[in-house]
Amino acid sequence: MDLLEHSPPTFAHTLRQYIELTKPRIVMLTAFCAVIGMVLATDELVPWRILVFGIAGISLLAGAGFTFNCMIERGIDARMARTRARPAARGEVSVSGALAFAALLGGAGAWLLLAFVNPLTMWLTLATFVGYALIYTIVLKPATPQNIVIGGASGAMPPVLGWAAVANDVGPQALVLFLIIFVWTPPHFWALALYRVEDYRRAGLPMLPVTHGLPFTRLQILLYTVLLVATTFLPFMIRMSGWLYLISATVLGGIFIGYAWRLWRSYSDALARRTFGYSIYYLMALFAALLLDHWV
C-alpha cells in the first residue's frame, strides 16, 4: 500500500496537469471569439488553411499565456479556495517544466501563424501574450483595482486576431468586436469578485470589492452593464449587422441589465453567481447572434 501511495505519477497524469495549466475552457472561448472575427471578416468561406492554422496558433499562444500566468500566481492561487486545486498551486508541476512548456506552446503558435497565416496576426497575438502574461499578471493585477479594466484589453483581442488572420488588417469592425469584449470584462469579473471577495482579500489582491467595498462594486457593475449594452448596438449602427442581431442584442442586454439592477438593489452571493454565469452565456449568445445575422 505504501509503495502505491509513493509511486511516481504516470505520464498520463503528468500530461493532464500540464494541459490544465493552459486553462482549456478559456482557450476554447478564445478560439470561439477568434472564429467569430474570421467569419465576420469575409463574405465568403474562411479558407481552411487560415481557419485551421490560425485557430491552432492563437490557441497555442493563449495556452502559453495561461501557463505563464499559473506559474507566476501559484502562491496567490494556493491561498484562494477557487484556485488552490490548480497543479501549480499544489506544486505538482515544476517552475522550470512549466516555463519550458509555455515556451514550447508559444514558439509553436507563433511559427504556425507566421508560416501559414500572416505576420500581422503573429505580432498581434504575441502582443496579446505579452499584455496578459506580463503586463496584466505581473504589473496590473497586484497593483491596482483597475486591473480588470486595463488588463481587459488583452482578453478582448481574440476577434481582432481572427479578423487579422483573414483580412490581414484591423478594420473598424474588428475594433467594435474588441470594444464589446473590453466593456464586457469588468462586470463579468467583478460579479465573480463579489462572492469571492474573501478569497481575494486573503490573497492580497486589490480587486475592486476589496479596495472600495461591495456597494461601490455593485454600482460599477450596473454602470458598466448599461455601457456594454449601448456598445453592443454599434454593429447595427455601422451596418455591420442587421435586425436579427439588434433584436438579440436588445433582449440579451435587457436580461443582463436586469441582473445588474437586482445585484445593485438587493445583493446576495447566489445572485452574484447567477450574474457571473449569465455573463458568460451572454457573450457567447451575443456573438452567435452576430454570426447568424451575418450568414442570413
C-alpha atoms as a PDB file:
ATOM      1  CA  MET A   1       0.000   0.000   0.000  1.00  0.00           C
ATOM      2  CA  ASP A   2       2.822   2.419   0.902  1.00  0.00           C
ATOM      3  CA  LEU A   3       4.540   1.654  -2.396  1.00  0.00           C
ATOM      4  CA  LEU A   4       1.380   2.582  -4.274  1.00  0.00           C
ATOM      5  CA  GLU A   5       0.957   5.814  -2.315  1.00  0.00           C
ATOM      6  CA  HIS A   6       4.525   6.936  -3.034  1.00  0.00           C
ATOM      7  CA  SER A   7       4.767   5.698  -6.622  1.00  0.00           C
ATOM      8  CA  PRO A   8       5.729   8.380  -9.172  1.00  0.00           C
ATOM      9  CA  PRO A   9       2.873   9.924 -11.178  1.00  0.00           C
ATOM     10  CA  THR A  10       2.094   8.314 -14.504  1.00  0.00           C
ATOM     11  CA  PHE A  11       2.822  10.055 -17.789  1.00  0.00           C
ATOM     12  CA  ALA A  12      -0.918  10.469 -18.417  1.00  0.00           C
ATOM     13  CA  HIS A  13      -1.387  12.146 -15.027  1.00  0.00           C
ATOM     14  CA  THR A  14       1.557  14.494 -15.596  1.00  0.00           C
ATOM     15  CA  LEU A  15       0.283  15.382 -19.072  1.00  0.00           C
ATOM     16  CA  ARG A  16      -3.133  16.232 -17.634  1.00  0.00           C
ATOM     17  CA  GLN A  17      -1.507  18.581 -15.124  1.00  0.00           C
ATOM     18  CA  TYR A  18       0.353  20.419 -17.869  1.00  0.00           C
ATOM     19  CA  ILE A  19      -2.776  20.672 -20.014  1.00  0.00           C
ATOM     20  CA  GLU A  20      -4.700  22.014 -17.011  1.00  0.00           C
ATOM     21  CA  LEU A  21      -2.174  24.853 -16.745  1.00  0.00           C
ATOM     22  CA  THR A  22      -3.360  26.122 -20.132  1.00  0.00           C
ATOM     23  CA  LYS A  23      -6.937  26.639 -18.813  1.00  0.00           C
ATOM     24  CA  PRO A  24      -8.519  24.659 -21.691  1.00  0.00           C
ATOM     25  CA  ARG A  25     -12.049  26.028 -21.253  1.00  0.00           C
ATOM     26  CA  ILE A  26     -10.848  29.619 -21.544  1.00  0.00           C
ATOM     27  CA  VAL A  27      -8.706  28.644 -24.544  1.00  0.00           C
ATOM     28  CA  MET A  28     -11.866  27.252 -26.167  1.00  0.00           C
ATOM     29  CA  LEU A  29     -13.673  30.552 -25.546  1.00  0.00           C
ATOM     30  CA  THR A  30     -10.662  32.383 -27.013  1.00  0.00           C
ATOM     31  CA  ALA A  31     -10.804  30.177 -30.111  1.00  0.00           C
ATOM     32  CA  PHE A  32     -14.566  30.736 -30.423  1.00  0.00           C
ATOM     33  CA  CYS A  33     -14.139  34.527 -30.358  1.00  0.00           C
ATOM     34  CA  ALA A  34     -11.312  34.287 -32.895  1.00  0.00           C
ATOM     35  CA  VAL A  35     -13.545  32.266 -35.231  1.00  0.00           C
ATOM     36  CA  ILE A  36     -16.174  34.999 -34.917  1.00  0.00           C
ATOM     37  CA  GLY A  37     -13.634  37.542 -36.132  1.00  0.00           C
ATOM     38  CA  MET A  38     -12.597  35.288 -39.012  1.00  0.00           C
ATOM     39  CA  VAL A  39     -16.121  34.671 -40.242  1.00  0.00           C
ATOM     40  CA  LEU A  40     -17.172  38.317 -39.982  1.00  0.00           C
ATOM     41  CA  ALA A  41     -14.078  39.460 -41.886  1.00  0.00           C
ATOM     42  CA  THR A  42     -15.283  37.909 -45.152  1.00  0.00           C
ATOM     43  CA  ASP A  43     -18.487  37.319 -47.087  1.00  0.00           C
ATOM     44  CA  GLU A  44     -17.090  34.013 -48.309  1.00  0.00           C
ATOM     45  CA  LEU A  45     -15.987  30.851 -46.540  1.00  0.00           C
ATOM     46  CA  VAL A  46     -12.874  31.236 -44.430  1.00  0.00           C
ATOM     47  CA  PRO A  47     -10.004  29.421 -46.196  1.00  0.00           C
ATOM     48  CA  TRP A  48      -9.361  26.128 -44.417  1.00  0.00           C
ATOM     49  CA  ARG A  49      -5.669  26.900 -44.015  1.00  0.00           C
ATOM     50  CA  ILE A  50      -6.393  30.178 -42.223  1.00  0.00           C
ATOM     51  CA  LEU A  51      -9.095  28.571 -40.095  1.00  0.00           C
ATOM     52  CA  VAL A  52      -7.048  25.550 -39.003  1.00  0.00           C
ATOM     53  CA  PHE A  53      -3.618  27.106 -38.533  1.00  0.00           C
ATOM     54  CA  GLY A  54      -4.984  30.439 -37.330  1.00  0.00           C
ATOM     55  CA  ILE A  55      -7.035  28.846 -34.558  1.00  0.00           C
ATOM     56  CA  ALA A  56      -4.185  26.475 -33.695  1.00  0.00           C
ATOM     57  CA  GLY A  57      -1.632  29.279 -33.452  1.00  0.00           C
ATOM     58  CA  ILE A  58      -3.877  31.617 -31.469  1.00  0.00           C
ATOM     59  CA  SER A  59      -4.907  28.786 -29.109  1.00  0.00           C
ATOM     60  CA  LEU A  60      -1.319  27.667 -28.511  1.00  0.00           C
ATOM     61  CA  LEU A  61      -0.180  31.191 -27.656  1.00  0.00           C
ATOM     62  CA  ALA A  62      -3.222  31.652 -25.404  1.00  0.00           C
ATOM     63  CA  GLY A  63      -2.347  28.401 -23.624  1.00  0.00           C
ATOM     64  CA  ALA A  64       1.231  29.612 -23.214  1.00  0.00           C
ATOM     65  CA  GLY A  65      -0.004  32.826 -21.626  1.00  0.00           C
ATOM     66  CA  PHE A  66      -2.286  30.991 -19.204  1.00  0.00           C
ATOM     67  CA  THR A  67       0.521  28.586 -18.265  1.00  0.00           C
ATOM     68  CA  PHE A  68       2.814  31.510 -17.521  1.00  0.00           C
ATOM     69  CA  ASN A  69       0.035  33.153 -15.506  1.00  0.00           C
ATOM     70  CA  CYS A  70      -0.465  29.990 -13.421  1.00  0.00           C
ATOM     71  CA  MET A  71       3.214  29.814 -12.551  1.00  0.00           C
ATOM     72  CA  ILE A  72       3.522  33.495 -11.614  1.00  0.00           C
ATOM     73  CA  GLU A  73       0.382  33.322  -9.453  1.00  0.00           C
ATOM     74  CA  ARG A  74       0.955  29.879  -7.921  1.00  0.00           C
ATOM     75  CA  GLY A  75       1.471  31.376  -4.439  1.00  0.00           C
ATOM     76  CA  ILE A  76      -1.670  33.504  -4.741  1.00  0.00           C
ATOM     77  CA  ASP A  77      -3.675  30.583  -6.144  1.00  0.00           C
ATOM     78  CA  ALA A  78      -2.637  28.398  -3.195  1.00  0.00           C
ATOM     79  CA  ARG A  79      -4.346  30.875  -0.811  1.00  0.00           C
ATOM     80  CA  MET A  80      -7.633  31.017  -2.722  1.00  0.00           C
ATOM     81  CA  ALA A  81     -10.368  28.390  -2.476  1.00  0.00           C
ATOM     82  CA  ARG A  82     -11.277  28.843  -6.144  1.00  0.00           C
ATOM     83  CA  THR A  83      -7.773  28.163  -7.441  1.00  0.00           C
ATOM     84  CA  ARG A  84      -5.889  26.143  -4.827  1.00  0.00           C
ATOM     85  CA  ALA A  85      -6.539  22.878  -6.707  1.00  0.00           C
ATOM     86  CA  ARG A  86      -4.588  24.080  -9.756  1.00  0.00           C
ATOM     87  CA  PRO A  87      -1.467  21.984 -10.496  1.00  0.00           C
ATOM     88  CA  ALA A  88       0.937  24.897  -9.985  1.00  0.00           C
ATOM     89  CA  ALA A  89      -0.682  25.824  -6.664  1.00  0.00           C
ATOM     90  CA  ARG A  90      -0.365  22.210  -5.482  1.00  0.00           C
ATOM     91  CA  GLY A  91       3.253  22.067  -6.596  1.00  0.00           C
ATOM     92  CA  GLU A  92       2.618  19.172  -8.981  1.00  0.00           C
ATOM     93  CA  VAL A  93       4.391  20.943 -11.840  1.00  0.00           C
ATOM     94  CA  SER A  94       7.875  22.392 -11.535  1.00  0.00           C
ATOM     95  CA  VAL A  95       8.501  26.021 -12.450  1.00  0.00           C
ATOM     96  CA  SER A  96      11.189  25.104 -14.965  1.00  0.00           C
ATOM     97  CA  GLY A  97       8.992  22.448 -16.554  1.00  0.00           C
ATOM     98  CA  ALA A  98       6.002  24.779 -16.841  1.00  0.00           C
ATOM     99  CA  LEU A  99       8.063  27.621 -18.301  1.00  0.00           C
ATOM    100  CA  ALA A 100       9.610  25.237 -20.836  1.00  0.00           C
ATOM    101  CA  PHE A 101       6.098  24.024 -21.700  1.00  0.00           C
ATOM    102  CA  ALA A 102       4.888  27.621 -22.127  1.00  0.00           C
ATOM    103  CA  ALA A 103       7.880  28.424 -24.342  1.00  0.00           C
ATOM    104  CA  LEU A 104       7.171  25.353 -26.472  1.00  0.00           C
ATOM    105  CA  LEU A 105       3.496  26.249 -26.875  1.00  0.00           C
ATOM    106  CA  GLY A 106       4.244  29.899 -27.598  1.00  0.00           C
ATOM    107  CA  GLY A 107       7.001  29.129 -30.085  1.00  0.00           C
ATOM    108  CA  ALA A 108       4.856  26.620 -31.938  1.00  0.00           C
ATOM    109  CA  GLY A 109       1.906  29.011 -32.032  1.00  0.00           C
ATOM    110  CA  ALA A 110       3.991  31.925 -33.321  1.00  0.00           C
ATOM    111  CA  TRP A 111       5.581  29.719 -36.003  1.00  0.00           C
ATOM    112  CA  LEU A 112       2.199  28.458 -37.227  1.00  0.00           C
ATOM    113  CA  LEU A 113       0.846  31.992 -37.518  1.00  0.00           C
ATOM    114  CA  LEU A 114       3.943  33.252 -39.331  1.00  0.00           C
ATOM    115  CA  ALA A 115       4.259  30.302 -41.686  1.00  0.00           C
ATOM    116  CA  PHE A 116       0.607  29.663 -42.541  1.00  0.00           C
ATOM    117  CA  VAL A 117      -1.375  32.825 -41.727  1.00  0.00           C
ATOM    118  CA  ASN A 118       0.395  36.212 -41.853  1.00  0.00           C
ATOM    119  CA  PRO A 119       2.956  38.239 -39.880  1.00  0.00           C
ATOM    120  CA  LEU A 120       0.351  40.763 -38.667  1.00  0.00           C
ATOM    121  CA  THR A 121      -1.614  38.073 -36.852  1.00  0.00           C
ATOM    122  CA  MET A 122       1.553  36.649 -35.331  1.00  0.00           C
ATOM    123  CA  TRP A 123       2.700  40.014 -33.972  1.00  0.00           C
ATOM    124  CA  LEU A 124      -0.751  40.916 -32.665  1.00  0.00           C
ATOM    125  CA  THR A 125      -1.021  37.537 -30.921  1.00  0.00           C
ATOM    126  CA  LEU A 126       2.447  37.900 -29.423  1.00  0.00           C
ATOM    127  CA  ALA A 127       1.491  41.389 -28.199  1.00  0.00           C
ATOM    128  CA  THR A 128      -1.619  39.873 -26.611  1.00  0.00           C
ATOM    129  CA  PHE A 129       0.564  37.273 -24.885  1.00  0.00           C
ATOM    130  CA  VAL A 130       2.843  40.000 -23.507  1.00  0.00           C
ATOM    131  CA  GLY A 131      -0.129  42.090 -22.425  1.00  0.00           C
ATOM    132  CA  TYR A 132      -1.718  39.229 -20.483  1.00  0.00           C
ATOM    133  CA  ALA A 133       1.235  37.196 -19.216  1.00  0.00           C
ATOM    134  CA  LEU A 134       3.496  40.111 -18.313  1.00  0.00           C
ATOM    135  CA  ILE A 135       1.692  43.463 -18.100  1.00  0.00           C
ATOM    136  CA  TYR A 136      -1.570  42.186 -16.568  1.00  0.00           C
ATOM    137  CA  THR A 137      -0.255  39.296 -14.458  1.00  0.00           C
ATOM    138  CA  ILE A 138       2.927  40.891 -13.111  1.00  0.00           C
ATOM    139  CA  VAL A 139       2.218  44.637 -13.166  1.00  0.00           C
ATOM    140  CA  LEU A 140      -1.505  45.404 -13.082  1.00  0.00           C
ATOM    141  CA  LYS A 141      -3.219  42.638 -11.119  1.00  0.00           C
ATOM    142  CA  PRO A 142      -1.273  43.077  -7.865  1.00  0.00           C
ATOM    143  CA  ALA A 143      -1.077  46.875  -8.147  1.00  0.00           C
ATOM    144  CA  THR A 144      -4.465  48.445  -8.919  1.00  0.00           C
ATOM    145  CA  PRO A 145      -8.207  47.729  -8.545  1.00  0.00           C
ATOM    146  CA  GLN A 146      -8.484  48.828 -12.181  1.00  0.00           C
ATOM    147  CA  ASN A 147      -6.523  45.707 -13.175  1.00  0.00           C
ATOM    148  CA  ILE A 148      -9.539  44.118 -14.837  1.00  0.00           C
ATOM    149  CA  VAL A 149     -10.454  47.296 -16.728  1.00  0.00           C
ATOM    150  CA  ILE A 150      -6.980  47.936 -18.163  1.00  0.00           C
ATOM    151  CA  GLY A 151      -5.983  44.294 -18.493  1.00  0.00           C
ATOM    152  CA  GLY A 152      -9.236  43.557 -20.286  1.00  0.00           C
ATOM    153  CA  ALA A 153      -7.586  44.799 -23.469  1.00  0.00           C
ATOM    154  CA  SER A 154      -5.696  41.518 -23.783  1.00  0.00           C
ATOM    155  CA  GLY A 155      -8.821  39.441 -23.244  1.00  0.00           C
ATOM    156  CA  ALA A 156     -10.673  41.466 -25.888  1.00  0.00           C
ATOM    157  CA  MET A 157      -8.156  40.682 -28.635  1.00  0.00           C
ATOM    158  CA  PRO A 158      -9.274  37.226 -29.950  1.00  0.00           C
ATOM    159  CA  PRO A 159     -11.847  38.514 -32.502  1.00  0.00           C
ATOM    160  CA  VAL A 160      -9.290  41.079 -33.689  1.00  0.00           C
ATOM    161  CA  LEU A 161      -6.760  38.278 -34.156  1.00  0.00           C
ATOM    162  CA  GLY A 162      -9.284  36.245 -36.130  1.00  0.00           C
ATOM    163  CA  TRP A 163     -10.158  39.258 -38.276  1.00  0.00           C
ATOM    164  CA  ALA A 164      -6.482  39.979 -38.970  1.00  0.00           C
ATOM    165  CA  ALA A 165      -5.880  36.337 -39.923  1.00  0.00           C
ATOM    166  CA  VAL A 166      -8.425  36.594 -42.756  1.00  0.00           C
ATOM    167  CA  ALA A 167      -8.232  40.256 -43.798  1.00  0.00           C
ATOM    168  CA  ASN A 168      -4.551  40.908 -42.989  1.00  0.00           C
ATOM    169  CA  ASP A 169      -5.585  44.226 -41.464  1.00  0.00           C
ATOM    170  CA  VAL A 170      -7.547  45.569 -38.497  1.00  0.00           C
ATOM    171  CA  GLY A 171     -10.637  47.407 -39.666  1.00  0.00           C
ATOM    172  CA  PRO A 172     -13.220  49.378 -37.675  1.00  0.00           C
ATOM    173  CA  GLN A 173     -15.497  46.328 -37.463  1.00  0.00           C
ATOM    174  CA  ALA A 174     -12.753  44.395 -35.694  1.00  0.00           C
ATOM    175  CA  LEU A 175     -12.307  47.258 -33.250  1.00  0.00           C
ATOM    176  CA  VAL A 176     -16.037  47.183 -32.484  1.00  0.00           C
ATOM    177  CA  LEU A 177     -15.752  43.493 -31.589  1.00  0.00           C
ATOM    178  CA  PHE A 178     -12.772  44.368 -29.401  1.00  0.00           C
ATOM    179  CA  LEU A 179     -14.740  47.128 -27.676  1.00  0.00           C
ATOM    180  CA  ILE A 180     -17.664  44.838 -26.866  1.00  0.00           C
ATOM    181  CA  ILE A 181     -15.462  42.323 -25.027  1.00  0.00           C
ATOM    182  CA  PHE A 182     -13.419  45.103 -23.425  1.00  0.00           C
ATOM    183  CA  VAL A 183     -16.536  46.664 -21.855  1.00  0.00           C
ATOM    184  CA  TRP A 184     -17.993  43.230 -21.008  1.00  0.00           C
ATOM    185  CA  THR A 185     -14.935  42.218 -18.961  1.00  0.00           C
ATOM    186  CA  PRO A 186     -15.396  44.432 -15.827  1.00  0.00           C
ATOM    187  CA  PRO A 187     -18.996  43.439 -14.977  1.00  0.00           C
ATOM    188  CA  HIS A 188     -18.155  39.810 -15.755  1.00  0.00           C
ATOM    189  CA  PHE A 189     -15.153  39.602 -13.409  1.00  0.00           C
ATOM    190  CA  TRP A 190     -16.500  41.941 -10.730  1.00  0.00           C
ATOM    191  CA  ALA A 191     -19.571  39.704 -10.355  1.00  0.00           C
ATOM    192  CA  LEU A 192     -17.163  36.864  -9.590  1.00  0.00           C
ATOM    193  CA  ALA A 193     -15.120  39.057  -7.261  1.00  0.00           C
ATOM    194  CA  LEU A 194     -18.226  39.961  -5.245  1.00  0.00           C
ATOM    195  CA  TYR A 195     -18.900  36.445  -3.999  1.00  0.00           C
ATOM    196  CA  ARG A 196     -15.176  35.612  -3.858  1.00  0.00           C
ATOM    197  CA  VAL A 197     -14.190  38.789  -2.050  1.00  0.00           C
ATOM    198  CA  GLU A 198     -12.709  36.994   0.970  1.00  0.00           C
ATOM    199  CA  ASP A 199     -10.607  34.880  -1.374  1.00  0.00           C
ATOM    200  CA  TYR A 200      -9.121  37.993  -2.960  1.00  0.00           C
ATOM    201  CA  ARG A 201      -8.673  39.679   0.421  1.00  0.00           C
ATOM    202  CA  ARG A 202      -6.819  36.641   1.756  1.00  0.00           C
ATOM    203  CA  ALA A 203      -4.641  36.558  -1.368  1.00  0.00           C
ATOM    204  CA  GLY A 204      -3.781  40.245  -1.004  1.00  0.00           C
ATOM    205  CA  LEU A 205      -5.097  41.225  -4.443  1.00  0.00           C
ATOM    206  CA  PRO A 206      -6.571  44.736  -4.782  1.00  0.00           C
ATOM    207  CA  MET A 207      -9.788  43.724  -6.509  1.00  0.00           C
ATOM    208  CA  LEU A 208     -12.470  46.411  -6.502  1.00  0.00           C
ATOM    209  CA  PRO A 209     -14.699  44.812  -3.801  1.00  0.00           C
ATOM    210  CA  VAL A 210     -11.650  44.592  -1.518  1.00  0.00           C
ATOM    211  CA  THR A 211     -10.452  48.177  -2.021  1.00  0.00           C
ATOM    212  CA  HIS A 212     -13.768  50.021  -2.470  1.00  0.00           C
ATOM    213  CA  GLY A 213     -16.359  47.723  -0.899  1.00  0.00           C
ATOM    214  CA  LEU A 214     -19.297  45.741  -2.223  1.00  0.00           C
ATOM    215  CA  PRO A 215     -21.839  48.577  -2.700  1.00  0.00           C
ATOM    216  CA  PHE A 216     -19.447  50.584  -4.878  1.00  0.00           C
ATOM    217  CA  THR A 217     -18.597  47.489  -6.930  1.00  0.00           C
ATOM    218  CA  ARG A 218     -22.264  46.666  -7.455  1.00  0.00           C
ATOM    219  CA  LEU A 219     -22.885  50.188  -8.746  1.00  0.00           C
ATOM    220  CA  GLN A 220     -19.917  49.882 -11.112  1.00  0.00           C
ATOM    221  CA  ILE A 221     -21.300  46.587 -12.428  1.00  0.00           C
ATOM    222  CA  LEU A 222     -24.617  48.266 -13.183  1.00  0.00           C
ATOM    223  CA  LEU A 223     -22.992  51.263 -14.920  1.00  0.00           C
ATOM    224  CA  TYR A 224     -20.645  49.103 -16.980  1.00  0.00           C
ATOM    225  CA  THR A 225     -23.506  46.801 -17.965  1.00  0.00           C
ATOM    226  CA  VAL A 226     -25.525  49.734 -19.267  1.00  0.00           C
ATOM    227  CA  LEU A 227     -22.449  50.923 -21.176  1.00  0.00           C
ATOM    228  CA  LEU A 228     -21.951  47.400 -22.516  1.00  0.00           C
ATOM    229  CA  VAL A 229     -25.481  47.153 -23.865  1.00  0.00           C
ATOM    230  CA  ALA A 230     -25.092  50.544 -25.567  1.00  0.00           C
ATOM    231  CA  THR A 231     -21.800  49.336 -27.070  1.00  0.00           C
ATOM    232  CA  THR A 232     -23.449  46.211 -28.493  1.00  0.00           C
ATOM    233  CA  PHE A 233     -25.642  48.422 -30.690  1.00  0.00           C
ATOM    234  CA  LEU A 234     -22.569  49.629 -32.614  1.00  0.00           C
ATOM    235  CA  PRO A 235     -22.523  46.708 -35.099  1.00  0.00           C
ATOM    236  CA  PHE A 236     -26.035  47.656 -36.201  1.00  0.00           C
ATOM    237  CA  MET A 237     -25.211  51.375 -36.279  1.00  0.00           C
ATOM    238  CA  ILE A 238     -22.223  50.890 -38.605  1.00  0.00           C
ATOM    239  CA  ARG A 239     -24.193  48.464 -40.819  1.00  0.00           C
ATOM    240  CA  MET A 240     -22.080  45.520 -39.745  1.00  0.00           C
ATOM    241  CA  SER A 241     -25.235  43.613 -38.771  1.00  0.00           C
ATOM    242  CA  GLY A 242     -28.977  43.693 -39.281  1.00  0.00           C
ATOM    243  CA  TRP A 243     -32.220  43.491 -37.370  1.00  0.00           C
ATOM    244  CA  LEU A 244     -31.766  39.904 -36.211  1.00  0.00           C
ATOM    245  CA  TYR A 245     -28.649  40.855 -34.290  1.00  0.00           C
ATOM    246  CA  LEU A 246     -30.196  44.094 -32.978  1.00  0.00           C
ATOM    247  CA  ILE A 247     -33.206  42.283 -31.540  1.00  0.00           C
ATOM    248  CA  SER A 248     -30.964  39.617 -29.992  1.00  0.00           C
ATOM    249  CA  ALA A 249     -28.617  42.222 -28.501  1.00  0.00           C
ATOM    250  CA  THR A 250     -31.574  44.130 -27.049  1.00  0.00           C
ATOM    251  CA  VAL A 251     -33.132  41.065 -25.403  1.00  0.00           C
ATOM    252  CA  LEU A 252     -29.829  39.653 -24.107  1.00  0.00           C
ATOM    253  CA  GLY A 253     -28.755  43.089 -22.878  1.00  0.00           C
ATOM    254  CA  GLY A 254     -32.065  43.721 -21.156  1.00  0.00           C
ATOM    255  CA  ILE A 255     -31.658  40.491 -19.185  1.00  0.00           C
ATOM    256  CA  PHE A 256     -28.085  41.436 -18.252  1.00  0.00           C
ATOM    257  CA  ILE A 257     -29.185  44.866 -17.042  1.00  0.00           C
ATOM    258  CA  GLY A 258     -31.913  43.154 -15.043  1.00  0.00           C
ATOM    259  CA  TYR A 259     -29.328  41.024 -13.276  1.00  0.00           C
ATOM    260  CA  ALA A 260     -27.100  44.047 -12.639  1.00  0.00           C
ATOM    261  CA  TRP A 261     -30.025  46.113 -11.300  1.00  0.00           C
ATOM    262  CA  ARG A 262     -31.073  43.384  -8.898  1.00  0.00           C
ATOM    263  CA  LEU A 263     -27.460  42.905  -7.824  1.00  0.00           C
ATOM    264  CA  TRP A 264     -27.239  46.615  -7.009  1.00  0.00           C
ATOM    265  CA  ARG A 265     -30.561  46.820  -5.189  1.00  0.00           C
ATOM    266  CA  SER A 266     -30.638  43.524  -3.251  1.00  0.00           C
ATOM    267  CA  TYR A 267     -27.321  41.706  -3.167  1.00  0.00           C
ATOM    268  CA  SER A 268     -26.782  38.031  -2.430  1.00  0.00           C
ATOM    269  CA  ASP A 269     -23.895  35.703  -3.209  1.00  0.00           C
ATOM    270  CA  ALA A 270     -26.294  33.419  -5.087  1.00  0.00           C
ATOM    271  CA  LEU A 271     -27.399  36.313  -7.321  1.00  0.00           C
ATOM    272  CA  ALA A 272     -23.765  37.298  -7.948  1.00  0.00           C
ATOM    273  CA  ARG A 273     -23.053  33.705  -9.018  1.00  0.00           C
ATOM    274  CA  ARG A 274     -26.011  33.738 -11.400  1.00  0.00           C
ATOM    275  CA  THR A 275     -24.925  37.096 -12.795  1.00  0.00           C
ATOM    276  CA  PHE A 276     -21.423  35.774 -13.412  1.00  0.00           C
ATOM    277  CA  GLY A 277     -22.809  32.645 -15.069  1.00  0.00           C
ATOM    278  CA  TYR A 278     -25.171  34.651 -17.257  1.00  0.00           C
ATOM    279  CA  SER A 279     -22.362  36.976 -18.341  1.00  0.00           C
ATOM    280  CA  ILE A 280     -20.577  34.012 -19.961  1.00  0.00           C
ATOM    281  CA  TYR A 281     -23.738  32.833 -21.685  1.00  0.00           C
ATOM    282  CA  TYR A 282     -24.472  36.428 -22.721  1.00  0.00           C
ATOM    283  CA  LEU A 283     -21.201  36.899 -24.590  1.00  0.00           C
ATOM    284  CA  MET A 284     -21.451  33.576 -26.406  1.00  0.00           C
ATOM    285  CA  ALA A 285     -25.097  34.149 -27.353  1.00  0.00           C
ATOM    286  CA  LEU A 286     -24.396  37.709 -28.486  1.00  0.00           C
ATOM    287  CA  PHE A 287     -21.600  36.623 -30.810  1.00  0.00           C
ATOM    288  CA  ALA A 288     -23.628  33.635 -32.020  1.00  0.00           C
ATOM    289  CA  ALA A 289     -26.390  36.081 -32.969  1.00  0.00           C
ATOM    290  CA  LEU A 290     -23.821  38.225 -34.784  1.00  0.00           C
ATOM    291  CA  LEU A 291     -22.680  35.144 -36.718  1.00  0.00           C
ATOM    292  CA  LEU A 292     -26.212  34.062 -37.568  1.00  0.00           C
ATOM    293  CA  ASP A 293     -27.108  37.560 -38.701  1.00  0.00           C
ATOM    294  CA  HIS A 294     -24.011  37.630 -40.922  1.00  0.00           C
ATOM    295  CA  TRP A 295     -24.895  34.331 -42.603  1.00  0.00           C
ATOM    296  CA  VAL A 296     -28.575  35.195 -43.042  1.00  0.00           C
END
